[in-house]
Amino acid sequence: MVKPIQEQKDGFIYPRSRYYGEFKPENLVFNANLQEFSQKVGYIANLETGGKLSPEEAYEYIQTFWKELKHSKQQLKIGLKQDNL
């Protein structure tokens, strides 16, 4: 089956790697968020390297993306000990 052109473009521009960790819905969501964070940081780094963003602007963008990822981790309760249940 041939994928539609837009789906092919999205797969090229926003590639997703397969998840091999423990299967839990929150882990899958966090993994997707982590991959998105990684892609954004790569784009910002390239824009800064190419002179399109100042180092300060790049830092601010990455800091914002990091805070979003951290908030996602907290909301999904990733990494919390489940011993007290």
Protein backbone atom coordinates (compact mmCIF):
# COMPACT_ATOMS: atom_id res chain seq x y z
CA MET A 1 0.00 0.00 0.00
CA VAL A 2 1.38 3.38 -1.01
CA LYS A 3 1.27 6.15 1.60
CA PRO A 4 -0.23 9.51 0.65
CA ILE A 5 2.32 12.22 -0.22
CA GLN A 6 1.60 14.29 2.93
CA GLU A 7 2.12 11.23 5.14
CA GLN A 8 5.42 10.53 3.37
CA LYS A 9 6.56 14.14 3.93
CA ASP A 10 5.56 14.03 7.60
CA GLY A 11 7.46 10.79 8.07
CA PHE A 12 10.55 12.36 6.53
CA ILE A 13 10.38 15.67 8.40
CA TYR A 14 9.15 14.24 11.72
CA PRO A 15 10.55 10.71 11.91
CA ARG A 16 9.46 8.55 14.81
CA SER A 17 11.50 5.70 16.21
CA ARG A 18 9.91 2.55 17.54
CA TYR A 19 9.51 2.30 21.33
CA TYR A 20 11.16 -0.72 22.96
CA GLY A 21 10.63 0.08 26.66
CA GLU A 22 8.06 -1.18 29.14
CA PHE A 23 4.62 -0.96 27.55
CA LYS A 24 2.47 1.46 29.51
CA PRO A 25 0.38 4.21 27.90
CA GLU A 26 2.18 6.94 29.87
CA ASN A 27 5.56 5.62 28.72
CA LEU A 28 4.46 5.72 25.08
CA VAL A 29 3.18 9.29 25.42
CA PHE A 30 6.36 10.42 27.17
CA ASN A 31 8.49 8.74 24.51
CA ALA A 32 6.62 10.64 21.79
CA ASN A 33 7.11 13.89 23.73
CA LEU A 34 10.82 13.10 24.17
CA GLN A 35 11.25 12.48 20.44
CA GLU A 36 9.47 15.75 19.67
CA PHE A 37 11.75 17.58 22.12
CA SER A 38 14.79 16.06 20.44
CA GLN A 39 13.63 17.16 16.99
CA LYS A 40 12.92 20.71 18.16
CA VAL A 41 16.33 20.99 19.81
CA GLY A 42 17.94 19.79 16.59
CA TYR A 43 16.10 22.43 14.57
CA ILE A 44 17.01 25.20 17.02
CA ALA A 45 20.65 24.13 17.07
CA ASN A 46 20.75 24.21 13.27
CA LEU A 47 19.12 27.65 13.15
CA GLU A 48 21.64 28.96 15.66
CA THR A 49 24.54 27.39 13.78
CA GLY A 50 23.25 28.94 10.55
CA GLY A 51 23.08 32.40 12.12
CA LYS A 52 19.27 32.61 12.03
CA LEU A 53 19.01 32.69 15.85
CA SER A 54 21.32 34.21 18.43
CA PRO A 55 22.77 31.89 21.07
CA GLU A 56 20.55 33.60 23.65
CA GLU A 57 17.41 33.01 21.56
CA ALA A 58 18.36 29.38 20.99
CA TYR A 59 18.93 28.91 24.71
CA GLU A 60 15.55 30.43 25.55
CA TYR A 61 13.75 28.19 23.06
CA ILE A 62 15.48 25.07 24.34
CA GLN A 63 14.82 26.05 27.94
CA THR A 64 11.10 26.45 27.11
CA PHE A 65 11.02 23.07 25.37
CA TRP A 66 12.79 21.48 28.35
CA LYS A 67 10.22 22.93 30.77
CA GLU A 68 7.41 21.52 28.59
CA LEU A 69 9.03 18.08 28.61
CA LYS A 70 9.58 18.22 32.37
CA HIS A 71 5.94 19.23 32.90
CA SER A 72 4.86 16.32 30.68
CA LYS A 73 6.94 13.92 32.79
CA GLN A 74 5.36 15.21 35.98
CA GLN A 75 1.82 15.05 34.58
CA LEU A 76 2.35 11.48 33.37
CA LYS A 77 3.95 10.53 36.72
CA ILE A 78 6.98 9.01 34.98
CA GLY A 79 9.74 7.90 37.34
CA LEU A 80 7.70 8.03 40.55
CA LYS A 81 8.02 5.11 42.92
CA GLN A 82 4.83 3.05 43.01
CA ASP A 83 5.72 1.41 46.38
CA ASN A 84 3.15 3.33 48.43
CA LEU A 85 0.07 1.92 46.66
